Amino acid sequence: MRYEQDAAQRATVLRHLSQSLAGAVSLFEKQEGTKLATFPDFKKARARYLEIQAMIFTISDKAAEAPNRGVPADLGGWLVRMRLRAIATFTRLSLGFFRNPPDLLVHALGAYDILQDERESQQSLFNDFDNLLMEAAVDDKTSMELDKVRTQIEEIVVLLDGLLKTAPPPLQTF
C-alpha cells in the first residue's frame, strides 16, 4: 500500500514539474521575436534559459530516483526535445543580440572579459547541442531545423571571435 502511494506521489510531482517546464519553454519561445537591446536584457534571457535547463535536470534526477514507479517511458526523449527547443530559442535570441551588439558592450573596459566568457559559453553550448542531437530521435523536418540552429550557434561563435578582435584588451592586474 505504501509503495503505491509513494509511486503515485512521485508521478504527481513529475507531472507538475513537467507541466511547469512545458509552460516555461513555451513562454521562452514566445519571447524569441523580441530584440535584446542591452546586455542586461541578454543576461535575463540567459537566466531564463539556465532556469529551464535546471528544471530539466531536476526532472531527470527525480525520474532517476524511482524508475518504473509512474515515470513515463518516453520522459527522457521528451526532456531532450525540451532542451533542444530551449537551446534553439536562446540561440536565436543570442544571434540577434550579437549581430548588432550595443557599443557599450563592445568598447567598454572589461568588454573583452565578458565577450571571452560568452564565447566560451557558446562553444560549450555548441558541444552540448551536438551531443543532444545524437541522443534525440528526430524526424527529417526537425533535423533540418536543428541544422539551422547548429549553423546559428557557429555564427555566434564567429561573431564573438570578431568582437574579441576589436574589444579593448583585457584588464591587467598590477
N, C-alpha and C. Protein backbone atom coordinates (compact mmCIF):
# COMPACT_ATOMS: atom_id res chain seq x y z
N MET A 1 0.82 -1.19 0.00
CA MET A 1 0.00 0.00 0.00
C MET A 1 0.88 1.26 0.00
N ARG A 2 1.87 1.27 0.86
CA ARG A 2 2.76 2.43 0.95
C ARG A 2 3.50 2.65 -0.38
N TYR A 3 3.91 1.56 -1.01
CA TYR A 3 4.63 1.62 -2.28
C TYR A 3 3.76 2.29 -3.35
N GLU A 4 2.50 1.94 -3.40
CA GLU A 4 1.59 2.52 -4.38
C GLU A 4 1.38 4.01 -4.14
N GLN A 5 1.28 4.42 -2.88
CA GLN A 5 1.12 5.84 -2.56
C GLN A 5 2.37 6.61 -2.94
N ASP A 6 3.52 6.04 -2.66
CA ASP A 6 4.79 6.68 -2.99
C ASP A 6 4.93 6.85 -4.50
N ALA A 7 4.58 5.81 -5.25
CA ALA A 7 4.66 5.87 -6.71
C ALA A 7 3.69 6.91 -7.26
N ALA A 8 2.50 6.96 -6.71
CA ALA A 8 1.51 7.95 -7.16
C ALA A 8 1.97 9.36 -6.85
N GLN A 9 2.58 9.56 -5.69
CA GLN A 9 3.06 10.89 -5.31
C GLN A 9 4.21 11.33 -6.23
N ARG A 10 5.13 10.42 -6.51
CA ARG A 10 6.24 10.75 -7.42
C ARG A 10 5.72 11.09 -8.81
N ALA A 11 4.76 10.32 -9.28
CA ALA A 11 4.18 10.58 -10.60
C ALA A 11 3.50 11.95 -10.63
N THR A 12 2.82 12.31 -9.56
CA THR A 12 2.16 13.62 -9.49
C THR A 12 3.18 14.74 -9.50
N VAL A 13 4.23 14.59 -8.72
CA VAL A 13 5.29 15.62 -8.68
C VAL A 13 5.93 15.76 -10.05
N LEU A 14 6.24 14.65 -10.70
CA LEU A 14 6.85 14.70 -12.03
C LEU A 14 5.90 15.34 -13.04
N ARG A 15 4.62 15.04 -12.92
CA ARG A 15 3.64 15.63 -13.84
C ARG A 15 3.59 17.15 -13.66
N HIS A 16 3.60 17.61 -12.41
CA HIS A 16 3.57 19.06 -12.16
C HIS A 16 4.85 19.74 -12.64
N LEU A 17 5.98 19.10 -12.37
CA LEU A 17 7.25 19.66 -12.84
C LEU A 17 7.29 19.71 -14.36
N SER A 18 6.79 18.67 -14.99
CA SER A 18 6.79 18.62 -16.46
C SER A 18 5.87 19.69 -17.05
N GLN A 19 4.73 19.92 -16.42
CA GLN A 19 3.83 20.97 -16.88
C GLN A 19 4.48 22.35 -16.72
N SER A 20 5.19 22.55 -15.61
CA SER A 20 5.90 23.82 -15.40
C SER A 20 6.98 24.01 -16.46
N LEU A 21 7.69 22.94 -16.75
CA LEU A 21 8.74 23.00 -17.78
C LEU A 21 8.15 23.34 -19.14
N ALA A 22 7.07 22.65 -19.51
CA ALA A 22 6.45 22.91 -20.80
C ALA A 22 5.99 24.36 -20.90
N GLY A 23 5.42 24.89 -19.82
CA GLY A 23 4.99 26.29 -19.80
C GLY A 23 6.16 27.25 -19.90
N ALA A 24 7.25 26.95 -19.19
CA ALA A 24 8.43 27.82 -19.23
C ALA A 24 9.05 27.84 -20.63
N VAL A 25 9.12 26.69 -21.27
CA VAL A 25 9.69 26.63 -22.63
C VAL A 25 8.80 27.39 -23.60
N SER A 26 7.49 27.24 -23.47
CA SER A 26 6.56 27.95 -24.36
C SER A 26 6.68 29.46 -24.19
N LEU A 27 6.75 29.93 -22.94
CA LEU A 27 6.92 31.37 -22.70
C LEU A 27 8.24 31.87 -23.26
N PHE A 28 9.28 31.08 -23.10
CA PHE A 28 10.60 31.46 -23.61
C PHE A 28 10.55 31.56 -25.14
N GLU A 29 9.88 30.62 -25.77
CA GLU A 29 9.78 30.65 -27.23
C GLU A 29 8.98 31.86 -27.71
N LYS A 30 8.01 32.29 -26.95
CA LYS A 30 7.22 33.47 -27.33
C LYS A 30 8.05 34.74 -27.29
N GLN A 31 9.10 34.75 -26.50
CA GLN A 31 9.98 35.93 -26.40
C GLN A 31 11.01 35.97 -27.51
N GLU A 32 11.00 34.97 -28.35
CA GLU A 32 12.00 34.87 -29.42
C GLU A 32 11.97 36.06 -30.37
N GLY A 33 10.81 36.62 -30.60
CA GLY A 33 10.70 37.74 -31.54
C GLY A 33 11.18 39.06 -30.99
N THR A 34 11.40 39.15 -29.69
CA THR A 34 11.82 40.42 -29.10
C THR A 34 13.32 40.63 -29.33
N LYS A 35 13.68 41.88 -29.51
CA LYS A 35 15.09 42.22 -29.70
C LYS A 35 15.70 42.54 -28.35
N LEU A 36 16.84 41.96 -28.08
CA LEU A 36 17.57 42.24 -26.85
C LEU A 36 18.44 43.46 -27.11
N ALA A 37 18.07 44.57 -26.51
CA ALA A 37 18.75 45.83 -26.82
C ALA A 37 19.98 46.09 -25.95
N THR A 38 20.00 45.56 -24.74
CA THR A 38 21.09 45.83 -23.82
C THR A 38 21.66 44.52 -23.29
N PHE A 39 22.84 44.62 -22.71
CA PHE A 39 23.45 43.44 -22.13
C PHE A 39 22.63 42.89 -20.96
N PRO A 40 22.04 43.75 -20.10
CA PRO A 40 21.16 43.21 -19.06
C PRO A 40 19.98 42.42 -19.63
N ASP A 41 19.44 42.86 -20.79
CA ASP A 41 18.37 42.10 -21.44
C ASP A 41 18.88 40.71 -21.84
N PHE A 42 20.09 40.68 -22.38
CA PHE A 42 20.69 39.41 -22.77
C PHE A 42 20.91 38.52 -21.55
N LYS A 43 21.38 39.11 -20.46
CA LYS A 43 21.60 38.34 -19.23
C LYS A 43 20.29 37.76 -18.71
N LYS A 44 19.19 38.49 -18.85
CA LYS A 44 17.88 37.97 -18.42
C LYS A 44 17.47 36.78 -19.28
N ALA A 45 17.72 36.89 -20.58
CA ALA A 45 17.40 35.78 -21.47
C ALA A 45 18.26 34.56 -21.12
N ARG A 46 19.52 34.79 -20.83
CA ARG A 46 20.40 33.68 -20.43
C ARG A 46 19.91 33.07 -19.12
N ALA A 47 19.47 33.90 -18.19
CA ALA A 47 18.97 33.39 -16.91
C ALA A 47 17.73 32.52 -17.12
N ARG A 48 16.83 32.94 -18.01
CA ARG A 48 15.64 32.14 -18.32
C ARG A 48 16.05 30.80 -18.92
N TYR A 49 17.00 30.84 -19.82
CA TYR A 49 17.49 29.62 -20.44
C TYR A 49 18.09 28.68 -19.37
N LEU A 50 18.89 29.22 -18.48
CA LEU A 50 19.51 28.41 -17.43
C LEU A 50 18.47 27.86 -16.46
N GLU A 51 17.41 28.61 -16.19
CA GLU A 51 16.32 28.12 -15.33
C GLU A 51 15.65 26.91 -15.98
N ILE A 52 15.43 26.99 -17.28
CA ILE A 52 14.82 25.87 -17.99
C ILE A 52 15.73 24.65 -17.93
N GLN A 53 17.03 24.86 -18.13
CA GLN A 53 17.97 23.74 -18.05
C GLN A 53 17.96 23.13 -16.66
N ALA A 54 17.87 23.97 -15.63
CA ALA A 54 17.82 23.46 -14.25
C ALA A 54 16.55 22.64 -14.03
N MET A 55 15.44 23.09 -14.57
CA MET A 55 14.20 22.33 -14.44
C MET A 55 14.33 20.97 -15.12
N ILE A 56 14.96 20.94 -16.27
CA ILE A 56 15.15 19.68 -16.99
C ILE A 56 16.00 18.71 -16.17
N PHE A 57 17.08 19.21 -15.58
CA PHE A 57 17.94 18.35 -14.78
C PHE A 57 17.24 17.88 -13.51
N THR A 58 16.41 18.74 -12.92
CA THR A 58 15.64 18.35 -11.74
C THR A 58 14.68 17.22 -12.07
N ILE A 59 13.97 17.36 -13.18
CA ILE A 59 13.03 16.31 -13.59
C ILE A 59 13.78 15.01 -13.87
N SER A 60 14.92 15.11 -14.53
CA SER A 60 15.72 13.91 -14.81
C SER A 60 16.14 13.22 -13.52
N ASP A 61 16.59 14.02 -12.55
CA ASP A 61 17.01 13.46 -11.26
C ASP A 61 15.84 12.80 -10.53
N LYS A 62 14.70 13.47 -10.52
CA LYS A 62 13.52 12.91 -9.84
C LYS A 62 13.08 11.61 -10.52
N ALA A 63 13.14 11.58 -11.82
CA ALA A 63 12.74 10.37 -12.56
C ALA A 63 13.72 9.23 -12.30
N ALA A 64 15.00 9.56 -12.18
CA ALA A 64 16.02 8.53 -11.95
C ALA A 64 15.93 7.96 -10.53
N GLU A 65 15.39 8.73 -9.59
CA GLU A 65 15.27 8.24 -8.21
C GLU A 65 14.32 7.06 -8.11
N ALA A 66 13.33 7.02 -8.96
CA ALA A 66 12.33 5.96 -8.86
C ALA A 66 11.94 5.45 -10.25
N PRO A 67 12.85 4.76 -10.92
CA PRO A 67 12.49 4.24 -12.23
C PRO A 67 11.36 3.21 -12.10
N ASN A 68 10.52 3.17 -13.10
CA ASN A 68 9.40 2.23 -13.16
C ASN A 68 8.35 2.47 -12.07
N ARG A 69 8.32 3.64 -11.52
CA ARG A 69 7.31 3.97 -10.50
C ARG A 69 6.48 5.15 -10.98
N GLY A 70 5.75 4.95 -12.01
CA GLY A 70 4.89 6.01 -12.51
C GLY A 70 5.58 6.99 -13.44
N VAL A 71 6.82 6.69 -13.83
CA VAL A 71 7.56 7.56 -14.74
C VAL A 71 7.27 7.12 -16.17
N PRO A 72 6.80 8.02 -17.02
CA PRO A 72 6.53 7.65 -18.41
C PRO A 72 7.81 7.14 -19.10
N ALA A 73 7.65 6.16 -19.95
CA ALA A 73 8.79 5.56 -20.63
C ALA A 73 9.48 6.54 -21.57
N ASP A 74 8.73 7.48 -22.13
CA ASP A 74 9.31 8.41 -23.10
C ASP A 74 9.76 9.73 -22.47
N LEU A 75 9.84 9.79 -21.15
CA LEU A 75 10.21 11.03 -20.47
C LEU A 75 11.59 11.53 -20.90
N GLY A 76 12.55 10.64 -21.02
CA GLY A 76 13.91 11.04 -21.41
C GLY A 76 13.94 11.71 -22.77
N GLY A 77 13.25 11.14 -23.73
CA GLY A 77 13.19 11.73 -25.07
C GLY A 77 12.50 13.07 -25.07
N TRP A 78 11.44 13.18 -24.28
CA TRP A 78 10.70 14.44 -24.18
C TRP A 78 11.60 15.52 -23.57
N LEU A 79 12.38 15.16 -22.56
CA LEU A 79 13.29 16.13 -21.93
C LEU A 79 14.36 16.59 -22.92
N VAL A 80 14.86 15.68 -23.73
CA VAL A 80 15.86 16.06 -24.74
C VAL A 80 15.23 17.04 -25.72
N ARG A 81 13.99 16.79 -26.14
CA ARG A 81 13.32 17.71 -27.07
C ARG A 81 13.08 19.07 -26.42
N MET A 82 12.73 19.10 -25.14
CA MET A 82 12.54 20.37 -24.44
C MET A 82 13.86 21.13 -24.38
N ARG A 83 14.92 20.41 -24.12
CA ARG A 83 16.25 21.03 -24.06
C ARG A 83 16.64 21.61 -25.42
N LEU A 84 16.37 20.86 -26.47
CA LEU A 84 16.69 21.35 -27.82
C LEU A 84 15.86 22.58 -28.16
N ARG A 85 14.60 22.61 -27.76
CA ARG A 85 13.76 23.79 -28.02
C ARG A 85 14.30 25.00 -27.27
N ALA A 86 14.72 24.81 -26.03
CA ALA A 86 15.27 25.93 -25.25
C ALA A 86 16.58 26.43 -25.87
N ILE A 87 17.42 25.52 -26.30
CA ILE A 87 18.68 25.91 -26.94
C ILE A 87 18.40 26.67 -28.23
N ALA A 88 17.44 26.19 -29.02
CA ALA A 88 17.12 26.86 -30.28
C ALA A 88 16.64 28.29 -30.03
N THR A 89 15.79 28.46 -29.05
CA THR A 89 15.28 29.80 -28.74
C THR A 89 16.41 30.70 -28.24
N PHE A 90 17.21 30.20 -27.31
CA PHE A 90 18.31 31.00 -26.79
C PHE A 90 19.30 31.36 -27.90
N THR A 91 19.54 30.44 -28.80
CA THR A 91 20.45 30.69 -29.92
C THR A 91 19.93 31.82 -30.80
N ARG A 92 18.65 31.79 -31.12
CA ARG A 92 18.07 32.85 -31.97
C ARG A 92 18.12 34.20 -31.27
N LEU A 93 17.84 34.22 -29.98
CA LEU A 93 17.93 35.48 -29.23
C LEU A 93 19.37 35.98 -29.21
N SER A 94 20.31 35.08 -28.97
CA SER A 94 21.73 35.45 -28.91
C SER A 94 22.23 35.95 -30.25
N LEU A 95 21.82 35.28 -31.31
CA LEU A 95 22.26 35.69 -32.65
C LEU A 95 21.79 37.10 -32.96
N GLY A 96 20.54 37.39 -32.67
CA GLY A 96 20.03 38.75 -32.87
C GLY A 96 20.80 39.78 -32.07
N PHE A 97 21.18 39.41 -30.86
CA PHE A 97 21.91 40.33 -29.99
C PHE A 97 23.34 40.55 -30.49
N PHE A 98 24.04 39.49 -30.85
CA PHE A 98 25.44 39.61 -31.23
C PHE A 98 25.65 40.05 -32.68
N ARG A 99 24.63 40.01 -33.50
CA ARG A 99 24.77 40.56 -34.85
C ARG A 99 24.89 42.08 -34.79
N ASN A 100 24.25 42.68 -33.83
CA ASN A 100 24.30 44.13 -33.67
C ASN A 100 24.39 44.46 -32.18
N PRO A 101 25.54 44.18 -31.56
CA PRO A 101 25.66 44.37 -30.11
C PRO A 101 25.72 45.85 -29.74
N PRO A 102 25.32 46.19 -28.53
CA PRO A 102 25.43 47.58 -28.09
C PRO A 102 26.90 48.01 -28.04
N ASP A 103 27.15 49.26 -28.40
CA ASP A 103 28.53 49.77 -28.39
C ASP A 103 29.17 49.65 -27.01
N LEU A 104 28.37 49.85 -25.98
CA LEU A 104 28.91 49.79 -24.62
C LEU A 104 29.48 48.41 -24.32
N LEU A 105 28.85 47.37 -24.83
CA LEU A 105 29.35 46.02 -24.60
C LEU A 105 30.66 45.78 -25.33
N VAL A 106 30.78 46.32 -26.52
CA VAL A 106 31.93 46.02 -27.37
C VAL A 106 33.15 46.89 -27.04
N HIS A 107 32.91 48.15 -26.63
CA HIS A 107 34.02 49.09 -26.48
C HIS A 107 34.34 49.47 -25.04
N ALA A 108 33.60 49.02 -24.07
CA ALA A 108 33.84 49.40 -22.68
C ALA A 108 35.01 48.61 -22.10
N LEU A 109 35.61 49.18 -21.07
CA LEU A 109 36.63 48.43 -20.35
C LEU A 109 35.98 47.20 -19.74
N GLY A 110 36.64 46.10 -19.81
CA GLY A 110 36.09 44.86 -19.31
C GLY A 110 35.27 44.11 -20.34
N ALA A 111 35.05 44.72 -21.51
CA ALA A 111 34.27 44.07 -22.55
C ALA A 111 34.93 42.78 -23.03
N TYR A 112 36.24 42.81 -23.10
CA TYR A 112 36.97 41.64 -23.58
C TYR A 112 36.65 40.42 -22.71
N ASP A 113 36.69 40.61 -21.39
CA ASP A 113 36.42 39.51 -20.48
C ASP A 113 34.99 38.98 -20.64
N ILE A 114 34.04 39.89 -20.78
CA ILE A 114 32.64 39.49 -20.96
C ILE A 114 32.48 38.72 -22.27
N LEU A 115 33.06 39.25 -23.33
CA LEU A 115 32.95 38.58 -24.63
C LEU A 115 33.65 37.23 -24.63
N GLN A 116 34.80 37.16 -23.96
CA GLN A 116 35.53 35.89 -23.88
C GLN A 116 34.71 34.85 -23.12
N ASP A 117 34.11 35.26 -22.01
CA ASP A 117 33.25 34.34 -21.24
C ASP A 117 32.07 33.87 -22.09
N GLU A 118 31.49 34.81 -22.83
CA GLU A 118 30.34 34.46 -23.66
C GLU A 118 30.76 33.53 -24.79
N ARG A 119 31.92 33.75 -25.35
CA ARG A 119 32.40 32.86 -26.41
C ARG A 119 32.59 31.45 -25.88
N GLU A 120 33.20 31.32 -24.69
CA GLU A 120 33.38 30.00 -24.08
C GLU A 120 32.04 29.34 -23.80
N SER A 121 31.09 30.13 -23.34
CA SER A 121 29.76 29.62 -23.07
C SER A 121 29.08 29.12 -24.34
N GLN A 122 29.19 29.89 -25.41
CA GLN A 122 28.58 29.50 -26.69
C GLN A 122 29.28 28.26 -27.26
N GLN A 123 30.58 28.16 -27.09
CA GLN A 123 31.30 26.98 -27.57
C GLN A 123 30.85 25.74 -26.78
N SER A 124 30.65 25.90 -25.49
CA SER A 124 30.15 24.80 -24.65
C SER A 124 28.73 24.41 -25.09
N LEU A 125 27.90 25.41 -25.36
CA LEU A 125 26.54 25.16 -25.84
C LEU A 125 26.58 24.40 -27.16
N PHE A 126 27.49 24.78 -28.03
CA PHE A 126 27.66 24.11 -29.32
C PHE A 126 27.98 22.63 -29.12
N ASN A 127 28.90 22.34 -28.20
CA ASN A 127 29.28 20.95 -27.93
C ASN A 127 28.11 20.17 -27.33
N ASP A 128 27.39 20.79 -26.38
CA ASP A 128 26.23 20.14 -25.78
C ASP A 128 25.16 19.87 -26.83
N PHE A 129 24.97 20.82 -27.71
CA PHE A 129 23.98 20.68 -28.77
C PHE A 129 24.30 19.48 -29.65
N ASP A 130 25.56 19.35 -30.03
CA ASP A 130 25.95 18.20 -30.85
C ASP A 130 25.68 16.88 -30.14
N ASN A 131 25.97 16.83 -28.84
CA ASN A 131 25.70 15.61 -28.07
C ASN A 131 24.20 15.32 -27.99
N LEU A 132 23.40 16.35 -27.83
CA LEU A 132 21.95 16.17 -27.77
C LEU A 132 21.40 15.67 -29.10
N LEU A 133 21.96 16.15 -30.18
CA LEU A 133 21.49 15.70 -31.49
C LEU A 133 21.67 14.19 -31.65
N MET A 134 22.73 13.68 -31.08
CA MET A 134 22.97 12.24 -31.17
C MET A 134 21.94 11.47 -30.32
N GLU A 135 21.52 12.06 -29.20
CA GLU A 135 20.55 11.40 -28.33
C GLU A 135 19.13 11.46 -28.88
N ALA A 136 18.82 12.56 -29.54
CA ALA A 136 17.44 12.80 -29.96
C ALA A 136 17.09 11.99 -31.20
N ALA A 137 15.91 11.44 -31.15
CA ALA A 137 15.38 10.76 -32.33
C ALA A 137 14.42 11.75 -32.98
N VAL A 138 14.88 12.39 -34.05
CA VAL A 138 14.08 13.45 -34.67
C VAL A 138 13.78 13.08 -36.12
N ASP A 139 12.68 13.63 -36.60
CA ASP A 139 12.30 13.40 -37.99
C ASP A 139 13.10 14.33 -38.91
N ASP A 140 12.92 14.18 -40.21
CA ASP A 140 13.71 14.95 -41.18
C ASP A 140 13.45 16.45 -41.07
N LYS A 141 12.19 16.85 -40.88
CA LYS A 141 11.87 18.27 -40.77
C LYS A 141 12.54 18.88 -39.55
N THR A 142 12.46 18.19 -38.43
CA THR A 142 13.10 18.67 -37.21
C THR A 142 14.61 18.68 -37.38
N SER A 143 15.13 17.70 -38.05
CA SER A 143 16.57 17.62 -38.29
C SER A 143 17.06 18.83 -39.08
N MET A 144 16.29 19.22 -40.09
CA MET A 144 16.67 20.40 -40.88
C MET A 144 16.64 21.66 -40.02
N GLU A 145 15.64 21.78 -39.16
CA GLU A 145 15.54 22.94 -38.27
C GLU A 145 16.72 22.96 -37.30
N LEU A 146 17.09 21.80 -36.77
CA LEU A 146 18.20 21.73 -35.83
C LEU A 146 19.53 22.01 -36.52
N ASP A 147 19.65 21.66 -37.77
CA ASP A 147 20.86 22.00 -38.53
C ASP A 147 20.99 23.53 -38.65
N LYS A 148 19.86 24.22 -38.82
CA LYS A 148 19.88 25.68 -38.87
C LYS A 148 20.36 26.25 -37.53
N VAL A 149 19.88 25.66 -36.44
CA VAL A 149 20.29 26.12 -35.10
C VAL A 149 21.78 25.90 -34.92
N ARG A 150 22.27 24.76 -35.36
CA ARG A 150 23.71 24.47 -35.24
C ARG A 150 24.52 25.50 -36.02
N THR A 151 24.06 25.84 -37.21
CA THR A 151 24.73 26.86 -38.02
C THR A 151 24.68 28.22 -37.33
N GLN A 152 23.57 28.52 -36.68
CA GLN A 152 23.45 29.81 -35.97
C GLN A 152 24.39 29.87 -34.78
N ILE A 153 24.55 28.75 -34.07
CA ILE A 153 25.50 28.74 -32.95
C ILE A 153 26.91 28.97 -33.48
N GLU A 154 27.25 28.32 -34.59
CA GLU A 154 28.57 28.54 -35.20
C GLU A 154 28.75 30.01 -35.57
N GLU A 155 27.70 30.63 -36.11
CA GLU A 155 27.77 32.04 -36.48
C GLU A 155 28.00 32.92 -35.26
N ILE A 156 27.36 32.60 -34.16
CA ILE A 156 27.55 33.38 -32.93
C ILE A 156 29.00 33.29 -32.48
N VAL A 157 29.58 32.11 -32.52
CA VAL A 157 30.98 31.95 -32.12
C VAL A 157 31.89 32.78 -33.03
N VAL A 158 31.62 32.78 -34.33
CA VAL A 158 32.42 33.58 -35.27
C VAL A 158 32.23 35.07 -34.98
N LEU A 159 31.00 35.50 -34.72
CA LEU A 159 30.75 36.91 -34.38
C LEU A 159 31.50 37.31 -33.12
N LEU A 160 31.48 36.44 -32.13
CA LEU A 160 32.20 36.74 -30.88
C LEU A 160 33.70 36.79 -31.10
N ASP A 161 34.22 35.93 -31.96
CA ASP A 161 35.65 35.99 -32.29
C ASP A 161 35.99 37.35 -32.91
N GLY A 162 35.13 37.82 -33.81
CA GLY A 162 35.35 39.13 -34.43
C GLY A 162 35.26 40.26 -33.42
N LEU A 163 34.30 40.19 -32.52
CA LEU A 163 34.15 41.23 -31.49
C LEU A 163 35.35 41.22 -30.54
N LEU A 164 35.88 40.05 -30.27
CA LEU A 164 37.05 39.97 -29.39
C LEU A 164 38.26 40.66 -30.00
N LYS A 165 38.35 40.65 -31.33
CA LYS A 165 39.49 41.30 -32.00
C LYS A 165 39.43 42.82 -31.88
N THR A 166 38.21 43.36 -31.79
CA THR A 166 38.07 44.82 -31.74
C THR A 166 37.83 45.35 -30.33
N ALA A 167 37.61 44.47 -29.38
CA ALA A 167 37.35 44.90 -28.00
C ALA A 167 38.63 45.42 -27.36
N PRO A 168 38.50 46.31 -26.38
CA PRO A 168 39.69 46.76 -25.65
C PRO A 168 40.40 45.55 -25.03
N PRO A 169 41.72 45.61 -24.92
CA PRO A 169 42.44 44.45 -24.39
C PRO A 169 41.97 44.14 -22.96
N PRO A 170 42.18 42.88 -22.55
CA PRO A 170 41.74 42.51 -21.21
C PRO A 170 42.45 43.34 -20.14
N LEU A 171 41.75 43.55 -19.06
CA LEU A 171 42.34 44.30 -17.96
C LEU A 171 43.46 43.50 -17.34
N GLN A 172 44.54 44.17 -17.03
CA GLN A 172 45.70 43.52 -16.44
C GLN A 172 45.76 43.82 -14.95
N THR A 173 46.17 42.85 -14.17
CA THR A 173 46.35 43.06 -12.74
C THR A 173 47.76 43.52 -12.50
N PHE A 174 47.89 44.55 -11.65
CA PHE A 174 49.23 45.08 -11.38
C PHE A 174 49.86 44.37 -10.23
